[in-house]
């Protein structure tokens, strides 16, 4: 068991999630995985002024007093937050699937985001070239090749992320 204080004052490379006293590794090592993360980040970063958003890679998010998650990419509506660990729900969390990921752990992570109030979670599988959109109301596989949000409406072609 690791205390919250120990987790918050330790630098992990790569950073890991903290779930009820347990450190949970994030799979980040493969090139295909990293390229997909980079493309998501760059896509939103290039539009940050147009859409008035803040986008960042792998920032800790305090889901609850005993749960911290580190999304691959997150997007906040409006300006840069003034805190080092995000304590308010971002608008969008993006997770990029890695072959080492377990579906049950990924689903638990997505459920944490949604319970916390994240409006949209995108799960992108760069190996199978598939994606899913998660909201409070539904889980939908992207079949038309377009990742979407609403209010604000963003339509992101999967090919922009996966080439």
Protein backbone atom coordinates (compact mmCIF):
# COMPACT_ATOMS: atom_id res chain seq x y z
CA UNK A 1 0.00 0.00 0.00
CA UNK A 2 1.12 3.52 -0.86
CA UNK A 3 -0.32 6.56 0.86
CA UNK A 4 -1.84 9.42 -1.13
CA UNK A 5 0.84 11.75 0.23
CA UNK A 6 3.60 9.41 -0.94
CA UNK A 7 2.01 9.17 -4.40
CA UNK A 8 1.60 12.93 -4.68
CA UNK A 9 5.22 13.59 -3.69
CA UNK A 10 6.85 10.94 -5.86
CA UNK A 11 7.79 11.29 -9.50
CA UNK A 12 7.07 8.10 -11.44
CA UNK A 13 8.40 7.55 -14.98
CA UNK A 14 6.06 7.02 -16.63
CA UNK A 15 3.47 8.38 -14.25
CA UNK A 16 0.97 5.88 -12.92
CA UNK A 17 -2.58 5.87 -11.67
CA UNK A 18 -3.31 5.66 -7.95
CA UNK A 19 -6.34 3.58 -7.00
CA UNK A 20 -7.21 3.13 -3.34
CA UNK A 21 -3.59 2.78 -2.20
CA UNK A 22 -2.37 0.78 -5.19
CA UNK A 23 -0.14 2.10 -7.97
CA UNK A 24 -1.48 1.05 -11.37
CA UNK A 25 0.96 1.08 -14.27
CA UNK A 26 0.01 2.74 -17.54
CA UNK A 27 1.18 1.09 -20.75
CA UNK A 28 2.98 3.76 -22.75
CA UNK A 29 6.02 2.17 -24.34
CA UNK A 30 5.18 1.13 -27.90
CA UNK A 31 5.81 3.41 -30.87
CA UNK A 32 2.34 2.98 -32.42
CA UNK A 33 0.76 3.90 -29.09
CA UNK A 34 2.98 6.95 -28.65
CA UNK A 35 2.39 8.19 -32.20
CA UNK A 36 -1.40 8.03 -31.70
CA UNK A 37 -1.10 9.98 -28.44
CA UNK A 38 1.09 12.57 -30.16
CA UNK A 39 -1.39 12.99 -33.00
CA UNK A 40 -4.33 13.50 -30.61
CA UNK A 41 -2.32 16.04 -28.65
CA UNK A 42 -1.19 17.91 -31.77
CA UNK A 43 -4.70 17.89 -33.26
CA UNK A 44 -6.15 19.66 -30.24
CA UNK A 45 -3.09 21.82 -29.61
CA UNK A 46 -3.30 23.26 -33.12
CA UNK A 47 -6.94 24.29 -32.40
CA UNK A 48 -6.46 25.53 -28.83
CA UNK A 49 -6.98 29.22 -29.66
CA UNK A 50 -9.80 28.63 -32.12
CA UNK A 51 -11.71 26.44 -29.66
CA UNK A 52 -10.53 28.18 -26.45
CA UNK A 53 -9.25 24.99 -24.88
CA UNK A 54 -6.34 23.75 -22.83
CA UNK A 55 -4.91 20.39 -23.89
CA UNK A 56 -2.17 18.45 -22.15
CA UNK A 57 -0.48 15.09 -22.05
CA UNK A 58 -0.58 12.81 -18.99
CA UNK A 59 -1.73 15.19 -16.26
CA UNK A 60 -2.87 13.74 -12.94
CA UNK A 61 -6.58 14.08 -12.28
CA UNK A 62 -7.98 13.73 -8.74
CA UNK A 63 -11.06 11.58 -9.24
CA UNK A 64 -11.69 11.20 -5.50
CA UNK A 65 -9.58 11.46 -2.31
CA UNK A 66 -8.24 7.95 -2.93
CA UNK A 67 -8.20 7.80 -6.76
CA UNK A 68 -5.97 9.65 -9.19
CA UNK A 69 -5.95 8.92 -12.90
CA UNK A 70 -3.55 9.99 -15.62
CA UNK A 71 -5.29 10.15 -19.02
CA UNK A 72 -3.12 9.91 -22.11
CA UNK A 73 -4.54 13.28 -23.25
CA UNK A 74 -7.08 15.56 -21.63
CA UNK A 75 -8.90 18.64 -22.84
CA UNK A 76 -10.28 21.40 -20.60
CA UNK A 77 -12.67 24.03 -21.92
CA UNK A 78 -11.28 27.52 -21.37
CA UNK A 79 -7.87 28.63 -20.15
CA UNK A 80 -5.08 26.68 -18.53
CA UNK A 81 -6.03 25.49 -15.03
CA UNK A 82 -4.17 27.09 -12.14
CA UNK A 83 -3.45 23.81 -10.36
CA UNK A 84 -0.80 21.14 -10.86
CA UNK A 85 -3.24 18.27 -10.33
CA UNK A 86 -6.63 18.70 -11.94
CA UNK A 87 -9.45 18.61 -9.38
CA UNK A 88 -12.33 19.54 -11.72
CA UNK A 89 -13.49 17.23 -14.50
CA UNK A 90 -11.94 17.92 -17.90
CA UNK A 91 -14.32 18.04 -20.86
CA UNK A 92 -12.60 15.16 -22.68
CA UNK A 93 -10.23 12.38 -21.69
CA UNK A 94 -8.56 10.37 -24.43
CA UNK A 95 -7.10 6.95 -23.79
CA UNK A 96 -5.06 5.15 -26.44
CA UNK A 97 -5.25 1.37 -26.30
CA UNK A 98 -2.05 -0.60 -25.91
CA UNK A 99 -1.77 -4.36 -26.58
CA UNK A 100 -0.78 -4.83 -22.92
CA UNK A 101 -3.95 -3.16 -21.64
CA UNK A 102 -6.62 -5.27 -19.96
CA UNK A 103 -10.18 -4.41 -20.89
CA UNK A 104 -11.41 -4.66 -17.29
CA UNK A 105 -8.83 -2.14 -16.04
CA UNK A 106 -9.49 0.21 -18.97
CA UNK A 107 -13.23 0.03 -18.31
CA UNK A 108 -12.65 0.81 -14.62
CA UNK A 109 -10.60 3.84 -15.62
CA UNK A 110 -13.28 5.05 -18.05
CA UNK A 111 -15.97 4.51 -15.40
CA UNK A 112 -13.92 6.65 -12.99
CA UNK A 113 -13.77 9.47 -15.52
CA UNK A 114 -17.51 9.37 -16.17
CA UNK A 115 -18.42 9.18 -12.46
CA UNK A 116 -16.15 12.17 -11.88
CA UNK A 117 -18.09 14.19 -14.44
CA UNK A 118 -15.95 13.97 -17.57
CA UNK A 119 -18.45 14.54 -20.41
CA UNK A 120 -16.62 12.56 -23.10
CA UNK A 121 -14.07 9.76 -23.06
CA UNK A 122 -12.55 8.56 -26.30
CA UNK A 123 -10.84 5.18 -26.45
CA UNK A 124 -8.68 4.84 -29.54
CA UNK A 125 -7.15 1.55 -30.69
CA UNK A 126 -4.40 2.44 -33.17
CA UNK A 127 -3.61 -1.23 -33.86
CA UNK A 128 -7.10 -2.18 -35.05
CA UNK A 129 -7.85 1.39 -36.21
CA UNK A 130 -11.03 1.54 -34.15
CA UNK A 131 -12.42 3.96 -31.58
CA UNK A 132 -15.26 4.28 -29.07
CA UNK A 133 -17.00 7.28 -27.55
CA UNK A 134 -18.13 6.99 -23.92
CA UNK A 135 -20.59 9.34 -22.25
CA UNK A 136 -22.85 9.09 -19.20
CA UNK A 137 -25.61 7.80 -21.49
CA UNK A 138 -23.90 5.53 -23.98
CA UNK A 139 -20.92 3.69 -25.34
CA UNK A 140 -20.72 3.94 -29.09
CA UNK A 141 -18.22 2.48 -31.48
CA UNK A 142 -17.11 4.97 -34.11
CA UNK A 143 -18.33 3.39 -37.35
CA UNK A 144 -18.42 6.47 -39.58
CA UNK A 145 -14.80 7.37 -38.87
CA UNK A 146 -15.72 10.51 -36.88
CA UNK A 147 -14.97 11.06 -33.21
CA UNK A 148 -17.50 13.54 -31.81
CA UNK A 149 -18.43 15.71 -28.87
CA UNK A 150 -21.34 18.05 -28.31
CA UNK A 151 -21.70 21.43 -26.63
CA UNK A 152 -19.23 22.31 -28.03
CA UNK A 153 -19.50 20.16 -31.09
CA UNK A 154 -16.23 18.80 -32.35
CA UNK A 155 -15.98 16.34 -35.18
CA UNK A 156 -12.55 14.75 -35.47
CA UNK A 157 -11.85 12.35 -38.33
CA UNK A 158 -10.18 9.22 -37.00
CA UNK A 159 -7.83 9.41 -39.99
CA UNK A 160 -6.52 12.71 -38.60
CA UNK A 161 -5.37 10.79 -35.53
CA UNK A 162 -4.33 7.50 -37.09
CA UNK A 163 -3.11 8.74 -40.48
